Every structure is written in C-alpha cells, then in structure tokens.
Amino acid sequence: MPQKMPQSQKRVDTAQAGTEDFGDLLDLLRAHHEAKLHLCEELEAIADSLPDRVSPQACLMAARRVVATVYDAHDFEDSVLWPVLRRNRPEDVRLEASLSRLHHEHLEDESYAEELASVLTDWAMCVGSRAEATGYMLRGFFGAVRRHIAFEREHLVPILEQIKRASDKS
C-alpha cells in the first residue's frame, strides 16, 4: 500500500513543480514565522531566568527545538519559497539582493542555532556557566531572528501577496 504523503509535503512538491498555490505558500511562511517567534519567546524566558531561576527542562526542550526549527524554516525558504519568487520576478534586482541578504543570514543563524543548542544542553545538564555570556548569546540570536522575520514580512510577504492577486485574476 502506498504511503500517504503529508499535506505540507504535497504543498512543497506542488510549489517545486511550478504550479504554486500562493495562499498555501503564504500560510506556510506565516506558520514558520510563528514557530520561530514562539521559539524566540522561549529563549527570551530562559535568558530572563539566568542564572538562578533557569529551568533545566526548558533549556533541554529549547536545545532540542532550536536547530530543527531554524533548519525547517530555512529549508522551506531556500528550496520552495525563493525559487517561486525568482520564477515570478526574474528581473527583480532588488528581490535578488534581498534573497542574497537573507541567504547569508540563514548561514549565520544556522551556525548560531547549533552553538545555542550546545550551550542550552550544558545548562540543562546543570553544567552551564557564564550566565552573562549565555544571556547575551540568547538575546543576540532571538533579536536577529525577529529582525529576519520583520524583514520578510515587510519585503517578501507583500511581493507574494501581489503575485497571488495577479495569479487569482488570471
């Protein structure tokens, strides 16, 4: 019996095939934004609790989620969203510059997420040290993620919405 494909995977396959459902793409982008913002809230709570009130369980949960959440969102953007934008705006130099900027941010965020996972795991095992440095690291990460999301909402979402409206008219 063939294995049933998850709905989100169907959307990804459709987008990669060039028959985009822009409403689905917007929904998926917004869902990734919400997941990353929720992670930022968790990380901020950990930063606020350092060093004396930190929950080892919260650190362990965040350590397990940070890399996966970041990589999942970036994979969607890199392999699905951006190719759709490029196909629909092939001559848009400003869009290409924005995507290049976001790509570099992805590389930095992924490296940072891996470091954070290690530091949070140390705190979960009660061997964390340098609370001030950890707090600074956490705040730097979630600040960058929030700015990244704000940029996408200000620059990419309106382009997707415009493409969707044009597609709906045809």
Protein backbone atom coordinates (compact mmCIF):
# COMPACT_ATOMS: atom_id res chain seq x y z
CA MET A 1 0.00 0.00 0.00
CA PRO A 2 1.47 3.40 -0.96
CA GLN A 3 2.46 5.64 1.89
CA LYS A 4 0.26 8.72 2.32
CA MET A 5 2.14 11.98 1.78
CA PRO A 6 1.65 14.65 4.46
CA GLN A 7 -0.33 17.70 3.33
CA SER A 8 2.61 20.05 3.88
CA GLN A 9 4.79 17.83 1.67
CA LYS A 10 2.15 17.94 -1.08
CA ARG A 11 2.30 21.74 -0.96
CA VAL A 12 6.08 21.68 -1.17
CA ASP A 13 6.02 19.29 -4.14
CA THR A 14 3.41 21.42 -5.91
CA ALA A 15 5.45 24.57 -5.37
CA GLN A 16 8.61 22.92 -6.64
CA ALA A 17 6.76 21.76 -9.75
CA GLY A 18 5.91 25.35 -10.66
CA THR A 19 2.15 25.14 -10.08
CA GLU A 20 2.16 27.31 -6.99
CA ASP A 21 -0.72 27.84 -4.66
CA PHE A 22 0.32 31.22 -3.32
CA GLY A 23 -2.18 31.04 -0.47
CA ASP A 24 -0.52 27.84 0.73
CA LEU A 25 2.93 29.40 0.40
CA LEU A 26 1.84 32.40 2.45
CA ASP A 27 0.28 30.11 5.06
CA LEU A 28 3.45 28.03 5.29
CA LEU A 29 5.66 31.11 5.57
CA ARG A 30 3.45 32.51 8.30
CA ALA A 31 3.49 29.16 10.13
CA HIS A 32 7.30 29.12 10.05
CA HIS A 33 7.32 32.71 11.32
CA GLU A 34 5.03 31.76 14.20
CA ALA A 35 7.16 28.74 15.09
CA LYS A 36 10.31 30.87 15.15
CA LEU A 37 8.62 33.62 17.16
CA HIS A 38 7.42 31.05 19.70
CA LEU A 39 10.98 29.75 19.95
CA CYS A 40 12.21 33.33 20.47
CA GLU A 41 9.76 33.74 23.36
CA GLU A 42 11.07 30.54 24.95
CA LEU A 43 14.66 31.66 24.54
CA GLU A 44 13.86 35.08 25.97
CA ALA A 45 12.28 33.46 29.03
CA ILE A 46 15.44 31.40 29.51
CA ALA A 47 17.63 34.49 29.15
CA ASP A 48 15.49 36.31 31.72
CA SER A 49 15.79 33.40 34.16
CA LEU A 50 19.58 33.12 34.10
CA PRO A 51 21.41 32.19 36.26
CA ASP A 52 19.41 31.38 39.38
CA ARG A 53 15.92 30.59 38.09
CA VAL A 54 16.80 28.74 34.91
CA SER A 55 14.82 25.57 34.26
CA PRO A 56 16.96 22.66 33.05
CA GLN A 57 13.87 21.20 31.38
CA ALA A 58 13.18 24.45 29.47
CA CYS A 59 16.82 24.53 28.37
CA LEU A 60 16.69 20.94 27.16
CA MET A 61 13.45 21.48 25.25
CA ALA A 62 14.80 24.65 23.62
CA ALA A 63 18.10 22.93 22.79
CA ARG A 64 16.19 20.18 21.00
CA ARG A 65 13.99 22.61 19.08
CA VAL A 66 16.30 25.46 18.12
CA VAL A 67 18.22 23.73 15.33
CA ALA A 68 15.20 21.89 13.89
CA THR A 69 13.00 25.00 13.89
CA VAL A 70 15.63 27.12 12.18
CA TYR A 71 16.62 24.47 9.63
CA ASP A 72 12.98 23.63 8.77
CA ALA A 73 12.15 27.27 8.12
CA HIS A 74 15.30 27.85 6.10
CA ASP A 75 14.78 24.70 4.05
CA PHE A 76 11.28 25.87 3.14
CA GLU A 77 12.51 29.33 2.19
CA ASP A 78 15.61 28.17 0.29
CA SER A 79 14.08 25.26 -1.62
CA VAL A 80 10.44 26.31 -2.06
CA LEU A 81 9.68 29.96 -1.42
CA TRP A 82 12.66 31.64 -3.02
CA PRO A 83 12.53 29.63 -6.27
CA VAL A 84 8.85 30.61 -6.58
CA LEU A 85 9.69 34.27 -6.05
CA ARG A 86 12.54 34.09 -8.55
CA ARG A 87 10.34 32.40 -11.17
CA ASN A 88 7.69 35.06 -10.79
CA ARG A 89 10.07 38.03 -10.59
CA PRO A 90 13.07 37.01 -12.72
CA GLU A 91 14.16 40.58 -13.47
CA ASP A 92 13.70 41.98 -9.95
CA VAL A 93 17.19 43.05 -8.90
CA ARG A 94 16.02 44.32 -5.50
CA LEU A 95 14.35 40.99 -4.75
CA GLU A 96 17.53 39.13 -5.68
CA ALA A 97 19.55 41.41 -3.38
CA SER A 98 17.09 40.74 -0.56
CA LEU A 99 17.26 36.98 -1.09
CA SER A 100 21.05 37.13 -1.11
CA ARG A 101 20.99 39.02 2.19
CA LEU A 102 18.55 36.52 3.70
CA HIS A 103 20.66 33.60 2.49
CA HIS A 104 23.69 34.94 4.35
CA GLU A 105 21.53 35.47 7.44
CA HIS A 106 20.41 31.84 7.17
CA LEU A 107 24.00 30.65 7.28
CA GLU A 108 24.73 32.77 10.34
CA ASP A 109 21.50 31.77 12.09
CA GLU A 110 22.12 28.07 11.49
CA SER A 111 25.62 28.25 12.93
CA TYR A 112 24.36 30.29 15.86
CA ALA A 113 21.49 27.82 16.47
CA GLU A 114 23.94 24.92 16.69
CA GLU A 115 26.08 26.80 19.22
CA LEU A 116 22.98 27.70 21.23
CA ALA A 117 21.84 24.07 21.29
CA SER A 118 25.17 23.09 22.80
CA VAL A 119 25.11 25.88 25.41
CA LEU A 120 21.49 25.15 26.33
CA THR A 121 22.28 21.45 26.70
CA ASP A 122 25.03 22.38 29.16
CA TRP A 123 22.53 24.42 31.18
CA ALA A 124 20.06 21.52 31.03
CA MET A 125 22.73 19.24 32.50
CA CYS A 126 23.41 21.84 35.21
CA VAL A 127 26.94 22.42 33.93
CA GLY A 128 26.18 25.75 32.30
CA SER A 129 28.49 28.58 33.13
CA ARG A 130 28.93 32.22 32.29
CA ALA A 131 25.29 33.21 32.63
CA GLU A 132 26.00 36.70 31.34
CA ALA A 133 27.59 35.37 28.14
CA THR A 134 24.75 32.87 27.66
CA GLY A 135 22.14 35.59 28.13
CA TYR A 136 23.94 37.82 25.65
CA MET A 137 24.13 34.95 23.17
CA LEU A 138 20.43 34.14 23.54
CA ARG A 139 19.41 37.79 23.13
CA GLY A 140 21.61 38.19 20.08
CA PHE A 141 20.07 35.14 18.46
CA PHE A 142 16.42 35.88 19.08
CA GLY A 143 16.94 39.54 18.19
CA ALA A 144 18.40 38.53 14.83
CA VAL A 145 15.60 36.02 14.19
CA ARG A 146 12.94 38.63 14.96
CA ARG A 147 14.61 41.16 12.62
CA HIS A 148 14.79 38.48 9.90
CA ILE A 149 11.07 37.79 10.25
CA ALA A 150 10.25 41.51 10.24
CA PHE A 151 12.25 41.95 7.04
CA GLU A 152 10.44 39.05 5.37
CA ARG A 153 7.08 40.42 6.44
CA GLU A 154 7.93 43.87 5.12
CA HIS A 155 9.56 42.79 1.86
CA LEU A 156 8.64 39.25 0.83
CA VAL A 157 5.06 38.88 2.05
CA PRO A 158 3.84 41.91 0.04
CA ILE A 159 5.51 40.51 -3.09
CA LEU A 160 3.87 37.12 -2.54
CA GLU A 161 0.51 38.79 -1.93
CA GLN A 162 0.90 40.82 -5.14
CA ILE A 163 1.81 37.70 -7.13
CA LYS A 164 -1.15 35.87 -5.58
CA ARG A 165 -3.57 38.65 -6.57
CA ALA A 166 -2.23 38.64 -10.14
CA SER A 167 -2.49 34.84 -10.25
CA ASP A 168 -6.07 34.92 -8.92
CA LYS A 169 -7.05 37.32 -11.73
CA SER A 170 -5.69 35.07 -14.48
